[in-house]
Amino acid sequence: MESIETQFQTSTEPFVLEDGSSLPGLTLAYELYGTVNEARDNVILVFHALTGSQHAAGVNPAVPGVGERWTEECQLGWWDGFVGPGRALDTDRFAVLCINYLGGCYGSTGPASENPVTGQPYGGAFPAITIDDIVDSQVWLLDRLGIDRLHAVTGASIGALMCLSLATRYPDRVDVVIPIAGGLEVTALQFIHNFEQTNAIINDPNFNGGDYYGGKSPDRGLALARMIGHKTFVSLAAMQERARSEVVDPHEASEYISIGHPIESYLWHQGQKFVARFDANSYLRLMEAWQGFDLLTSVGAESFEEALRACKDQSFMVFSIDSDVCFYPEEQERMMQVLKSAGVPARRITVHSEKGHDSFLLEPSLFAPHLRQTLEQPWGAA
């Protein structure tokens, strides 16, 4: 299995955010698989999901500056079954780029990073960011790497929202757009689940307004947030199946919580694993970016059809997962209707899986034929 190192791009120039505020500098952590060709037109940009990282493929034992947060769970690329020679994103043909989000905690500038003005972690002073800010920062990196136009962009979950932001706001910079298990907007159920998670973290006594670095971390709140969110990532059938194999010793629960069922044990285990590898402030900032996603406002359009007309020279492949309870298949069906109304060449594939939303992480064989065909033989005007 190939070993790979994270690379970094840093600027000391202010990075201006959508709301007019700015960061005094910017660092983005990224990994590149395969070789950029001479024409520099074979690059696929992959947007990771909410708590993913730049490490999409291969083995990376450590990332400078990340420390203990880079747990064993992080060391194998989260899309390793999809990216590599002969795989769906074939690195013999394409160069695959994945970047840790602005606001993240795996090497890019985020709340745990040192503020060069104060010499201390940003903490609660880290500004609010949007999906568009994250996309803009990645376009900044593309410019630094000399990549003017992408062959394709793809991403699942909130990564699908990033795809839409880039495709509509930078339509001349991408040919093929592949949103996986996403939607045109934030649904009411997502608002509810995300709001519950935000409250879980903020109400942890150790949160301290986000300034907890050097002291006790809001681990209980972050673990609870993960448990709330996790129930949307897997189907109930998959959760029951996993619960039989991932059982935590009841003594690991707090003194106030007694675990008496495998599903309780499974959820508790997910929360504890997550606390070890992620930062609560980053989770909040990325959750807020998801909550604030507004495609119409971003492009100044009155309808989704108007917003997506900018994509008429692109080719879209929309993926649904039939057991998804985070972005229900109805969201992708609606996206397809809008794309067709807007005159955008588009196809849709429904993946039949028992694993729910997380199928895009776990079952490359269900996605690979369609990804490969789309990337190698795009259709439409592009």
Protein backbone atom coordinates (compact mmCIF):
# COMPACT_ATOMS: atom_id res chain seq x y z
CA MET A 1 0.00 0.00 0.00
CA GLU A 2 1.51 3.32 -1.08
CA SER A 3 2.74 5.73 1.60
CA ILE A 4 1.99 9.40 1.04
CA GLU A 5 2.71 12.69 2.78
CA THR A 6 0.49 15.72 3.20
CA GLN A 7 1.68 18.88 1.48
CA PHE A 8 0.99 22.46 2.54
CA GLN A 9 0.42 25.75 0.76
CA THR A 10 0.78 28.87 2.91
CA SER A 11 0.26 32.57 2.37
CA THR A 12 0.85 35.45 4.78
CA GLU A 13 -1.51 37.64 2.79
CA PRO A 14 -4.97 38.24 4.31
CA PHE A 15 -7.65 35.87 3.09
CA VAL A 16 -10.97 37.70 2.77
CA LEU A 17 -14.12 35.81 3.70
CA GLU A 18 -17.60 36.12 2.26
CA ASP A 19 -18.83 38.33 5.14
CA GLY A 20 -15.99 40.82 4.59
CA SER A 21 -13.87 39.72 7.54
CA SER A 22 -10.46 38.23 6.90
CA LEU A 23 -7.87 35.84 8.22
CA PRO A 24 -4.33 37.23 8.57
CA GLY A 25 -2.95 34.31 6.57
CA LEU A 26 -3.94 30.97 5.13
CA THR A 27 -2.55 27.45 5.11
CA LEU A 28 -4.21 24.58 3.27
CA ALA A 29 -3.19 20.95 3.70
CA TYR A 30 -3.57 18.79 0.60
CA GLU A 31 -2.61 15.52 -1.03
CA LEU A 32 -2.15 14.85 -4.73
CA TYR A 33 -2.32 11.36 -6.25
CA GLY A 34 -1.10 10.71 -9.77
CA THR A 35 0.65 13.16 -12.09
CA VAL A 36 -0.66 16.43 -13.50
CA ASN A 37 -0.21 16.19 -17.26
CA GLU A 38 1.55 18.74 -19.43
CA ALA A 39 -1.72 20.41 -20.44
CA ARG A 40 -2.72 20.52 -16.74
CA ASP A 41 -6.24 19.43 -17.67
CA ASN A 42 -6.46 15.98 -16.03
CA VAL A 43 -7.07 17.03 -12.41
CA ILE A 44 -10.03 15.73 -10.39
CA LEU A 45 -10.80 17.72 -7.25
CA VAL A 46 -12.35 15.64 -4.46
CA PHE A 47 -14.26 17.39 -1.68
CA HIS A 48 -14.29 15.36 1.51
CA ALA A 49 -17.30 14.93 3.79
CA LEU A 50 -17.98 16.80 7.03
CA THR A 51 -15.26 15.25 9.19
CA GLY A 52 -12.96 13.92 6.49
CA SER A 53 -9.47 15.08 5.66
CA GLN A 54 -7.10 15.67 2.77
CA HIS A 55 -5.94 12.06 3.10
CA ALA A 56 -8.07 10.27 0.53
CA ALA A 57 -5.81 7.37 -0.47
CA GLY A 58 -2.79 5.35 0.58
CA VAL A 59 -1.24 5.33 4.05
CA ASN A 60 -0.16 8.47 5.87
CA PRO A 61 1.22 7.69 9.35
CA ALA A 62 1.39 11.30 10.57
CA VAL A 63 0.61 14.88 9.54
CA PRO A 64 2.86 17.66 10.87
CA GLY A 65 1.12 19.82 13.46
CA VAL A 66 -1.89 17.53 13.89
CA GLY A 67 -0.44 15.44 16.70
CA GLU A 68 -2.53 12.85 18.51
CA ARG A 69 -5.64 13.83 16.57
CA TRP A 70 -4.20 11.86 13.64
CA THR A 71 -5.35 8.54 15.08
CA GLU A 72 -4.95 5.10 13.56
CA GLU A 73 -8.40 5.54 12.04
CA CYS A 74 -7.08 8.47 9.98
CA GLN A 75 -3.99 6.77 8.59
CA LEU A 76 -5.63 4.83 5.76
CA GLY A 77 -7.13 7.14 3.15
CA TRP A 78 -10.87 7.55 3.60
CA TRP A 79 -11.48 6.88 -0.15
CA ASP A 80 -8.65 4.41 -0.63
CA GLY A 81 -10.92 1.95 -2.42
CA PHE A 82 -11.82 4.62 -4.99
CA VAL A 83 -8.50 6.37 -5.73
CA GLY A 84 -5.43 4.72 -7.25
CA PRO A 85 -4.07 2.94 -10.32
CA GLY A 86 -6.91 1.18 -12.15
CA ARG A 87 -9.52 2.29 -9.60
CA ALA A 88 -12.59 4.45 -10.21
CA LEU A 89 -10.48 7.61 -9.96
CA ASP A 90 -7.63 6.13 -11.96
CA THR A 91 -4.32 7.77 -11.07
CA ASP A 92 -2.72 6.25 -14.17
CA ARG A 93 -4.86 8.71 -16.13
CA PHE A 94 -5.84 11.45 -13.71
CA ALA A 95 -4.30 13.52 -10.96
CA VAL A 96 -6.58 13.43 -7.92
CA LEU A 97 -6.43 16.37 -5.51
CA CYS A 98 -8.00 16.45 -2.03
CA ILE A 99 -7.74 19.44 0.31
CA ASN A 100 -8.53 19.72 4.01
CA TYR A 101 -11.24 22.33 4.47
CA LEU A 102 -10.58 25.82 5.71
CA GLY A 103 -11.77 25.65 9.32
CA GLY A 104 -10.76 21.99 9.61
CA CYS A 105 -8.32 20.39 12.01
CA TYR A 106 -5.99 18.29 9.86
CA GLY A 107 -3.44 20.90 8.82
CA SER A 108 -5.49 23.67 7.20
CA THR A 109 -6.08 26.96 8.98
CA GLY A 110 -8.77 26.40 11.59
CA PRO A 111 -9.75 27.26 15.16
CA ALA A 112 -6.94 25.15 16.66
CA SER A 113 -4.32 26.89 14.48
CA GLU A 114 -2.09 29.59 15.86
CA ASN A 115 -3.32 33.11 15.14
CA PRO A 116 -0.16 34.87 13.88
CA VAL A 117 -1.40 38.14 15.40
CA THR A 118 -1.73 36.80 18.95
CA GLY A 119 0.55 33.76 18.95
CA GLN A 120 -2.30 31.75 20.50
CA PRO A 121 -4.87 29.38 18.98
CA TYR A 122 -7.79 31.18 17.35
CA GLY A 123 -10.28 29.26 19.49
CA GLY A 124 -13.63 30.98 19.72
CA ALA A 125 -12.26 33.99 17.81
CA PHE A 126 -12.02 31.99 14.58
CA PRO A 127 -14.49 33.64 12.20
CA ALA A 128 -17.65 32.04 10.84
CA ILE A 129 -17.08 30.49 7.43
CA THR A 130 -19.36 29.44 4.59
CA ILE A 131 -19.40 26.71 1.96
CA ASP A 132 -18.39 29.39 -0.53
CA ASP A 133 -15.43 30.44 1.65
CA ILE A 134 -14.19 26.85 1.67
CA VAL A 135 -14.58 26.58 -2.11
CA ASP A 136 -12.89 29.95 -2.64
CA SER A 137 -9.92 28.82 -0.55
CA GLN A 138 -9.59 25.71 -2.70
CA VAL A 139 -9.74 27.76 -5.90
CA TRP A 140 -6.95 29.88 -4.36
CA LEU A 141 -4.89 26.70 -4.02
CA LEU A 142 -5.72 25.65 -7.59
CA ASP A 143 -4.36 28.99 -8.75
CA ARG A 144 -1.20 28.43 -6.73
CA LEU A 145 -0.78 25.01 -8.33
CA GLY A 146 -1.32 26.41 -11.85
CA ILE A 147 -4.55 24.50 -12.45
CA ASP A 148 -6.92 26.71 -14.42
CA ARG A 149 -9.55 24.12 -15.29
CA LEU A 150 -10.54 20.86 -13.62
CA HIS A 151 -11.46 17.76 -15.55
CA ALA A 152 -13.92 16.94 -12.78
CA VAL A 153 -15.05 17.76 -9.29
CA THR A 154 -16.73 15.29 -6.98
CA GLY A 155 -17.80 15.06 -3.36
CA ALA A 156 -20.33 13.36 -1.14
CA SER A 157 -22.60 14.74 1.58
CA ILE A 158 -21.52 18.34 2.24
CA GLY A 159 -18.85 17.67 -0.38
CA ALA A 160 -21.74 17.57 -2.87
CA LEU A 161 -22.72 21.07 -1.73
CA MET A 162 -19.14 22.17 -2.45
CA CYS A 163 -19.50 20.72 -5.95
CA LEU A 164 -22.57 22.87 -6.60
CA SER A 165 -20.89 25.98 -5.21
CA LEU A 166 -17.87 25.55 -7.46
CA ALA A 167 -19.86 24.53 -10.54
CA THR A 168 -22.21 27.52 -10.38
CA ARG A 169 -19.74 30.16 -9.18
CA TYR A 170 -16.77 29.05 -11.29
CA PRO A 171 -18.50 27.44 -14.29
CA ASP A 172 -15.52 27.92 -16.61
CA ARG A 173 -13.20 25.99 -14.29
CA VAL A 174 -14.72 22.49 -14.42
CA ASP A 175 -16.04 20.09 -17.07
CA VAL A 176 -17.60 17.19 -15.13
CA VAL A 177 -19.53 17.54 -11.86
CA ILE A 178 -20.32 14.49 -9.71
CA PRO A 179 -22.33 15.25 -6.56
CA ILE A 180 -22.87 12.14 -4.43
CA ALA A 181 -25.67 11.89 -1.86
CA GLY A 182 -26.26 15.63 -1.70
CA GLY A 183 -28.98 18.18 -2.39
CA LEU A 184 -29.77 21.68 -3.57
CA GLU A 185 -30.37 23.06 -0.10
CA VAL A 186 -30.40 22.25 3.60
CA THR A 187 -33.50 20.27 4.56
CA ALA A 188 -35.62 20.83 7.66
CA LEU A 189 -34.47 17.51 9.13
CA GLN A 190 -30.83 18.44 8.59
CA PHE A 191 -31.39 21.77 10.31
CA ILE A 192 -32.86 19.95 13.29
CA HIS A 193 -30.08 17.37 13.58
CA ASN A 194 -27.35 19.98 13.07
CA PHE A 195 -28.89 22.36 15.60
CA GLU A 196 -29.04 19.55 18.16
CA GLN A 197 -25.35 18.83 17.60
CA THR A 198 -24.35 22.47 17.88
CA ASN A 199 -26.18 22.77 21.18
CA ALA A 200 -24.58 19.61 22.51
CA ILE A 201 -21.11 21.12 22.06
CA ILE A 202 -21.82 24.67 23.15
CA ASN A 203 -23.59 23.53 26.32
CA ASP A 204 -20.68 21.35 27.44
CA PRO A 205 -19.29 23.02 30.60
CA ASN A 206 -15.76 22.72 29.19
CA PHE A 207 -16.55 24.53 25.95
CA ASN A 208 -15.63 27.93 27.43
CA GLY A 209 -16.75 29.91 24.39
CA GLY A 210 -14.40 27.89 22.22
CA ASP A 211 -11.30 28.82 24.24
CA TYR A 212 -10.61 25.40 25.74
CA TYR A 213 -7.14 24.76 24.28
CA GLY A 214 -4.67 24.09 27.07
CA GLY A 215 -7.49 23.01 29.38
CA LYS A 216 -10.26 20.45 29.45
CA SER A 217 -11.90 19.83 26.08
CA PRO A 218 -15.68 19.63 25.57
CA ASP A 219 -15.45 15.90 24.97
CA ARG A 220 -18.88 15.00 26.30
CA GLY A 221 -20.57 17.54 24.08
CA LEU A 222 -18.60 16.52 21.00
CA ALA A 223 -19.28 12.83 21.61
CA LEU A 224 -22.99 13.52 22.01
CA ALA A 225 -22.97 15.58 18.80
CA ARG A 226 -21.40 12.68 16.96
CA MET A 227 -24.00 10.25 18.28
CA ILE A 228 -26.80 12.58 17.15
CA GLY A 229 -25.31 12.90 13.67
CA HIS A 230 -24.22 9.30 13.29
CA LYS A 231 -27.77 7.97 13.22
CA THR A 232 -28.21 9.72 9.85
CA PHE A 233 -25.02 8.25 8.37
CA VAL A 234 -26.00 4.58 8.55
CA SER A 235 -29.25 2.75 7.98
CA LEU A 236 -30.95 1.14 10.96
CA ALA A 237 -30.21 -2.30 9.51
CA ALA A 238 -26.52 -1.45 9.18
CA MET A 239 -26.44 -0.03 12.71
CA GLN A 240 -27.90 -3.22 14.13
CA GLU A 241 -25.39 -5.30 12.20
CA ARG A 242 -22.41 -3.18 13.28
CA ALA A 243 -23.61 -3.10 16.88
CA ARG A 244 -23.06 -6.85 17.12
CA SER A 245 -19.34 -6.48 16.38
CA GLU A 246 -18.45 -3.12 17.96
CA VAL A 247 -19.32 -3.51 21.63
CA VAL A 248 -17.74 -1.26 24.22
CA ASP A 249 -17.22 -2.50 27.75
CA PRO A 250 -20.04 -0.90 29.79
CA HIS A 251 -17.48 0.26 32.31
CA GLU A 252 -16.20 2.77 29.73
CA ALA A 253 -19.46 4.72 30.00
CA SER A 254 -19.69 7.63 32.42
CA GLU A 255 -20.74 7.09 36.00
CA TYR A 256 -24.19 8.39 35.11
CA ILE A 257 -24.77 6.21 32.03
CA SER A 258 -25.36 2.49 32.10
CA ILE A 259 -25.11 0.71 28.74
CA GLY A 260 -27.35 -2.29 28.45
CA HIS A 261 -27.91 -2.74 24.71
CA PRO A 262 -25.50 -3.30 21.78
CA ILE A 263 -26.84 -0.25 19.90
CA GLU A 264 -26.19 1.97 22.93
CA SER A 265 -22.71 0.50 23.10
CA TYR A 266 -22.17 1.07 19.38
CA LEU A 267 -23.21 4.73 19.52
CA TRP A 268 -21.10 5.35 22.63
CA HIS A 269 -18.12 3.82 20.88
CA GLN A 270 -18.62 6.07 17.84
CA GLY A 271 -18.69 9.13 20.07
CA GLN A 272 -15.49 8.19 21.90
CA LYS A 273 -13.62 7.39 18.67
CA PHE A 274 -14.64 10.72 17.22
CA VAL A 275 -13.50 12.76 20.23
CA ALA A 276 -10.02 11.30 19.82
CA ARG A 277 -9.68 12.47 16.20
CA PHE A 278 -11.61 15.71 15.78
CA ASP A 279 -11.76 19.22 17.20
CA ALA A 280 -15.02 20.58 18.62
CA ASN A 281 -14.49 24.11 17.25
CA SER A 282 -13.85 22.76 13.75
CA TYR A 283 -16.99 20.68 13.99
CA LEU A 284 -18.99 23.76 14.92
CA ARG A 285 -17.56 25.91 12.13
CA LEU A 286 -18.16 23.26 9.48
CA MET A 287 -21.62 22.56 10.83
CA GLU A 288 -22.42 26.28 10.66
CA ALA A 289 -21.16 26.37 7.06
CA TRP A 290 -23.53 23.50 6.22
CA GLN A 291 -26.43 25.21 7.96
CA GLY A 292 -25.78 28.43 6.06
CA PHE A 293 -25.58 26.90 2.58
CA ASP A 294 -27.72 29.04 0.27
CA LEU A 295 -27.06 28.45 -3.41
CA LEU A 296 -29.51 31.10 -4.61
CA THR A 297 -27.97 33.88 -2.55
CA SER A 298 -24.47 32.77 -3.53
CA VAL A 299 -25.10 33.28 -7.23
CA GLY A 300 -27.76 35.99 -6.97
CA ALA A 301 -30.47 33.86 -8.54
CA GLU A 302 -34.22 33.77 -7.92
CA SER A 303 -34.62 30.07 -8.70
CA PHE A 304 -32.49 26.94 -8.77
CA GLU A 305 -33.07 26.68 -12.51
CA GLU A 306 -31.56 30.14 -12.96
CA ALA A 307 -28.64 29.28 -10.67
CA LEU A 308 -27.80 26.08 -12.57
CA ARG A 309 -28.03 27.55 -16.07
CA ALA A 310 -24.41 28.57 -15.59
CA CYS A 311 -23.58 24.85 -15.75
CA LYS A 312 -24.99 24.17 -19.23
CA ASP A 313 -21.51 23.47 -20.63
CA GLN A 314 -20.75 20.90 -17.93
CA SER A 315 -21.74 17.24 -17.58
CA PHE A 316 -23.40 16.18 -14.31
CA MET A 317 -23.58 12.69 -12.83
CA VAL A 318 -25.80 12.65 -9.74
CA PHE A 319 -25.56 9.72 -7.32
CA SER A 320 -28.34 8.64 -4.94
CA ILE A 321 -28.20 5.97 -2.23
CA ASP A 322 -31.56 4.30 -1.78
CA SER A 323 -31.18 3.78 1.99
CA ASP A 324 -29.82 7.29 2.69
CA VAL A 325 -31.55 9.06 5.60
CA CYS A 326 -29.22 12.09 5.64
CA PHE A 327 -29.76 13.31 2.07
CA TYR A 328 -32.84 11.34 1.07
CA PRO A 329 -33.03 10.21 -2.60
CA GLU A 330 -35.85 12.69 -3.14
CA GLU A 331 -33.24 15.45 -2.86
CA GLN A 332 -31.27 14.10 -5.83
CA GLU A 333 -34.46 13.52 -7.81
CA ARG A 334 -35.28 17.17 -7.32
CA MET A 335 -31.75 18.15 -8.34
CA MET A 336 -32.14 16.19 -11.56
CA GLN A 337 -35.44 17.89 -12.38
CA VAL A 338 -33.82 21.30 -11.91
CA LEU A 339 -30.76 20.38 -13.97
CA LYS A 340 -32.96 19.23 -16.85
CA SER A 341 -35.08 22.38 -16.63
CA ALA A 342 -31.90 24.45 -16.71
CA GLY A 343 -30.67 22.64 -19.83
CA VAL A 344 -27.71 21.01 -18.10
CA PRO A 345 -26.59 17.58 -19.44
CA ALA A 346 -27.18 15.26 -16.48
CA ARG A 347 -27.57 11.62 -15.55
CA ARG A 348 -28.53 9.98 -12.27
CA ILE A 349 -27.61 6.64 -10.77
CA THR A 350 -29.26 5.12 -7.70
CA VAL A 351 -26.98 2.89 -5.68
CA HIS A 352 -28.83 0.09 -3.92
CA SER A 353 -27.23 -0.44 -0.54
CA GLU A 354 -28.13 -1.52 2.98
CA LYS A 355 -25.47 0.73 4.50
CA GLY A 356 -27.20 4.11 4.21
CA HIS A 357 -25.43 7.44 3.65
CA ASP A 358 -22.02 5.92 4.45
CA SER A 359 -22.24 3.67 1.40
CA PHE A 360 -20.14 6.23 -0.49
CA LEU A 361 -17.29 5.46 1.92
CA LEU A 362 -17.71 1.72 2.24
CA GLU A 363 -18.77 0.22 -1.09
CA PRO A 364 -16.55 1.30 -3.98
CA SER A 365 -17.77 -1.57 -6.16
CA LEU A 366 -21.25 -0.03 -6.29
CA PHE A 367 -19.97 3.34 -7.52
CA ALA A 368 -16.84 2.50 -9.50
CA PRO A 369 -18.31 1.50 -12.90
CA HIS A 370 -20.38 4.69 -13.11
CA LEU A 371 -17.60 6.93 -11.83
CA ARG A 372 -15.13 5.45 -14.28
CA GLN A 373 -17.47 5.79 -17.26
CA THR A 374 -18.35 9.36 -16.34
CA LEU A 375 -14.73 10.43 -15.89
CA GLU A 376 -13.42 8.70 -19.00
CA GLN A 377 -16.32 9.36 -21.38
CA PRO A 378 -18.17 12.51 -20.30
CA TRP A 379 -21.16 13.55 -22.33
CA GLY A 380 -22.93 16.83 -23.08
CA ALA A 381 -21.44 20.04 -24.38
CA ALA A 382 -18.31 19.93 -22.21
